[in-house]
Amino acid sequence: MTVTTAKWTLDDYHLMIQVGLLKDRHVELLNGEIVEMPPEGPEHAQLSTDAGDYLRPLLGEKAIVRSAKPITIPATGSEPEPDVAIVQPLRTLYRTRHPYPENVFLIIEYSNTSLSKDLDPKKKAYAVAGILEYWVVDLQNHVLKVFRNPVNRSYTDEITLVDGEISPVSFPEIKISVKGLLT
């Protein structure tokens, strides 16, 4: 006998939220599966908050820095809640729907206990969606993993940084301190 997992659509997921089935549950939809999100530890919570605070003045009116808010990825049946999403400044549109991949400049995840999820199914979902750039702050090893150039189910460019500066693909004029994201 083969076991098949039932997949949920974005409409199913939104209906579950609307009727309160997921009330008091910290979950996200990832590749059609409702996935429990582990609680954030203090380091994770504060560093991701600090990152949002650090990035807002650097980006100014060029983008919106959303912290722990959903983005919708129709192609993979996903609605993850990245720690930081840098998106187009379309505030009125986001009152009617979450940002779609074409609205996303950069995703940043802070990872400790969720590192394997962030480096495998989430990375694949973001690559399939064509999100240009995905950064993972690996709290276990104190490094920044940068993924760029999405092709099919993967990113073709990957670098690991511990210091220095990095410029997002969409904002090459902006220099972001790696240490500013790690500490």
Protein backbone atom coordinates (compact mmCIF):
# COMPACT_ATOMS: atom_id res chain seq x y z
CA MET A 1 0.00 0.00 0.00
CA THR A 2 1.28 3.45 -0.94
CA VAL A 3 0.69 6.34 1.42
CA THR A 4 -0.22 9.60 -0.27
CA THR A 5 -0.20 12.89 1.57
CA ALA A 6 -3.16 15.19 0.89
CA LYS A 7 -2.03 18.55 -0.45
CA TRP A 8 -3.78 21.80 0.42
CA THR A 9 -4.40 24.60 -2.04
CA LEU A 10 -3.95 28.26 -1.25
CA ASP A 11 -7.75 28.60 -1.29
CA ASP A 12 -8.08 25.72 1.21
CA TYR A 13 -5.49 27.34 3.45
CA HIS A 14 -7.13 30.76 3.31
CA LEU A 15 -10.51 29.21 4.11
CA MET A 16 -9.02 27.39 7.12
CA ILE A 17 -7.64 30.73 8.35
CA GLN A 18 -10.95 32.49 7.70
CA VAL A 19 -13.06 30.00 9.65
CA GLY A 20 -10.57 29.81 12.51
CA LEU A 21 -9.29 26.24 12.06
CA LEU A 22 -5.72 27.41 12.40
CA LYS A 23 -6.37 29.84 15.23
CA ASP A 24 -3.67 29.68 17.88
CA ARG A 25 -1.47 27.55 15.59
CA HIS A 26 1.80 28.94 14.30
CA VAL A 27 1.87 27.40 10.85
CA GLU A 28 2.67 28.21 7.24
CA LEU A 29 1.74 26.60 3.93
CA LEU A 30 4.80 25.15 2.19
CA ASN A 31 4.50 23.20 -1.05
CA GLY A 32 0.88 22.34 -0.30
CA GLU A 33 1.59 21.13 3.24
CA ILE A 34 0.68 22.90 6.45
CA VAL A 35 3.91 23.04 8.41
CA GLU A 36 4.26 23.85 12.12
CA MET A 37 6.70 26.67 12.76
CA PRO A 38 8.91 26.19 15.79
CA PRO A 39 8.81 28.94 18.39
CA GLU A 40 11.48 31.59 17.98
CA GLY A 41 14.24 31.65 20.53
CA PRO A 42 15.36 35.01 21.92
CA GLU A 43 18.40 35.31 19.61
CA HIS A 44 16.33 34.53 16.51
CA ALA A 45 13.57 36.94 17.50
CA GLN A 46 15.87 39.84 18.34
CA LEU A 47 18.27 39.45 15.39
CA SER A 48 15.43 39.30 12.85
CA THR A 49 13.84 42.37 14.49
CA ASP A 50 17.19 44.18 14.42
CA ALA A 51 17.62 43.25 10.74
CA GLY A 52 14.31 44.85 9.81
CA ASP A 53 15.19 47.97 11.79
CA TYR A 54 18.64 48.10 10.14
CA LEU A 55 17.33 47.66 6.58
CA ARG A 56 14.42 50.13 6.65
CA PRO A 57 16.52 53.32 6.64
CA LEU A 58 18.96 51.86 4.09
CA LEU A 59 16.12 51.14 1.64
CA GLY A 60 14.00 54.19 2.39
CA GLU A 61 11.05 54.48 0.01
CA LYS A 62 12.56 52.02 -2.52
CA ALA A 63 10.99 49.03 -0.80
CA ILE A 64 8.93 47.84 2.14
CA VAL A 65 10.63 45.69 4.75
CA ARG A 66 8.04 43.21 6.05
CA SER A 67 8.87 41.23 9.18
CA ALA A 68 7.30 37.79 9.70
CA LYS A 69 4.44 38.45 7.24
CA PRO A 70 3.21 36.07 4.55
CA ILE A 71 4.10 36.07 0.89
CA THR A 72 2.04 34.02 -1.56
CA ILE A 73 3.67 31.64 -4.05
CA PRO A 74 0.92 30.26 -6.31
CA ALA A 75 3.31 28.10 -8.37
CA THR A 76 4.21 25.92 -5.37
CA GLY A 77 1.03 26.22 -3.29
CA SER A 78 2.98 28.02 -0.59
CA GLU A 79 2.40 30.90 1.77
CA PRO A 80 5.52 31.09 3.92
CA GLU A 81 6.13 33.79 6.53
CA PRO A 82 9.77 34.77 6.08
CA ASP A 83 11.53 36.58 8.90
CA VAL A 84 12.25 39.49 6.55
CA ALA A 85 10.83 40.11 3.08
CA ILE A 86 11.93 43.12 1.09
CA VAL A 87 9.13 43.85 -1.35
CA GLN A 88 7.95 46.46 -3.83
CA PRO A 89 6.33 49.47 -2.15
CA LEU A 90 2.75 48.57 -3.08
CA ARG A 91 1.00 49.26 0.21
CA THR A 92 -2.52 49.60 -1.22
CA LEU A 93 -2.23 46.29 -3.10
CA TYR A 94 -1.03 44.47 0.03
CA ARG A 95 -4.28 45.37 1.75
CA THR A 96 -6.03 42.99 -0.67
CA ARG A 97 -3.39 40.26 -1.04
CA HIS A 98 0.05 39.31 0.18
CA PRO A 99 3.07 40.01 -2.04
CA TYR A 100 3.58 37.55 -4.89
CA PRO A 101 7.05 36.46 -6.09
CA GLU A 102 7.15 39.21 -8.72
CA ASN A 103 6.78 41.73 -5.88
CA VAL A 104 9.69 40.31 -3.83
CA PHE A 105 13.23 41.67 -4.07
CA LEU A 106 14.82 39.61 -1.30
CA ILE A 107 13.88 37.09 1.41
CA ILE A 108 15.90 36.68 4.61
CA GLU A 109 15.37 33.80 7.01
CA TYR A 110 17.01 33.52 10.42
CA SER A 111 17.59 29.84 11.10
CA ASN A 112 18.47 27.82 14.11
CA THR A 113 16.15 24.86 14.66
CA SER A 114 14.57 25.36 11.20
CA LEU A 115 17.86 25.30 9.26
CA SER A 116 17.13 22.11 7.29
CA LYS A 117 13.66 23.40 6.30
CA ASP A 118 15.07 26.77 5.26
CA LEU A 119 17.89 25.22 3.20
CA ASP A 120 15.76 22.61 1.43
CA PRO A 121 12.00 22.94 0.88
CA LYS A 122 11.86 26.71 1.44
CA LYS A 123 14.87 27.36 -0.77
CA LYS A 124 13.34 25.20 -3.51
CA ALA A 125 9.96 26.96 -3.22
CA TYR A 126 11.62 30.36 -3.52
CA ALA A 127 13.74 29.22 -6.48
CA VAL A 128 10.75 27.70 -8.30
CA ALA A 129 8.89 30.97 -7.75
CA GLY A 130 11.76 32.91 -9.32
CA ILE A 131 12.55 34.97 -6.24
CA LEU A 132 15.83 36.61 -7.25
CA GLU A 133 17.62 36.40 -3.97
CA TYR A 134 17.33 34.41 -0.75
CA TRP A 135 19.55 34.84 2.31
CA VAL A 136 19.74 32.49 5.27
CA VAL A 137 21.33 33.68 8.49
CA ASP A 138 22.60 30.42 9.95
CA LEU A 139 22.55 30.99 13.71
CA GLN A 140 24.19 27.63 14.41
CA ASN A 141 27.35 28.50 12.47
CA HIS A 142 27.12 32.32 12.54
CA VAL A 143 27.29 32.71 8.75
CA LEU A 144 25.19 34.33 6.05
CA LYS A 145 24.31 32.03 3.16
CA VAL A 146 23.39 33.95 -0.01
CA PHE A 147 21.48 32.28 -2.84
CA ARG A 148 21.03 34.03 -6.20
CA ASN A 149 20.07 33.33 -9.79
CA PRO A 150 17.10 30.94 -9.51
CA VAL A 151 16.90 28.27 -12.20
CA ASN A 152 14.23 25.57 -12.00
CA ARG A 153 14.23 24.21 -8.43
CA SER A 154 17.55 25.65 -7.31
CA TYR A 155 19.76 28.71 -7.11
CA THR A 156 22.86 28.54 -9.29
CA ASP A 157 24.90 30.99 -7.23
CA GLU A 158 25.67 30.37 -3.57
CA ILE A 159 28.13 32.13 -1.30
CA THR A 160 28.77 32.00 2.45
CA LEU A 161 29.89 35.13 4.27
CA VAL A 162 31.05 35.88 7.82
CA ASP A 163 31.96 39.54 7.40
CA GLY A 164 32.32 42.33 4.86
CA GLU A 165 29.50 43.94 2.92
CA ILE A 166 26.98 42.68 0.43
CA SER A 167 24.66 44.46 -1.98
CA PRO A 168 21.28 42.98 -2.89
CA VAL A 169 20.89 42.23 -6.60
CA SER A 170 17.92 44.62 -6.81
CA PHE A 171 19.76 47.42 -4.98
CA PRO A 172 23.43 47.28 -6.03
CA GLU A 173 24.03 50.79 -4.65
CA ILE A 174 23.18 49.70 -1.10
CA LYS A 175 25.88 48.13 1.06
CA ILE A 176 24.70 45.86 3.87
CA SER A 177 27.06 44.87 6.65
CA VAL A 178 27.19 41.09 7.07
CA LYS A 179 28.07 41.57 10.75
CA GLY A 180 25.04 43.87 10.98
CA LEU A 181 22.87 40.87 10.12
CA LEU A 182 24.78 38.35 12.27
CA THR A 183 25.14 40.30 15.52
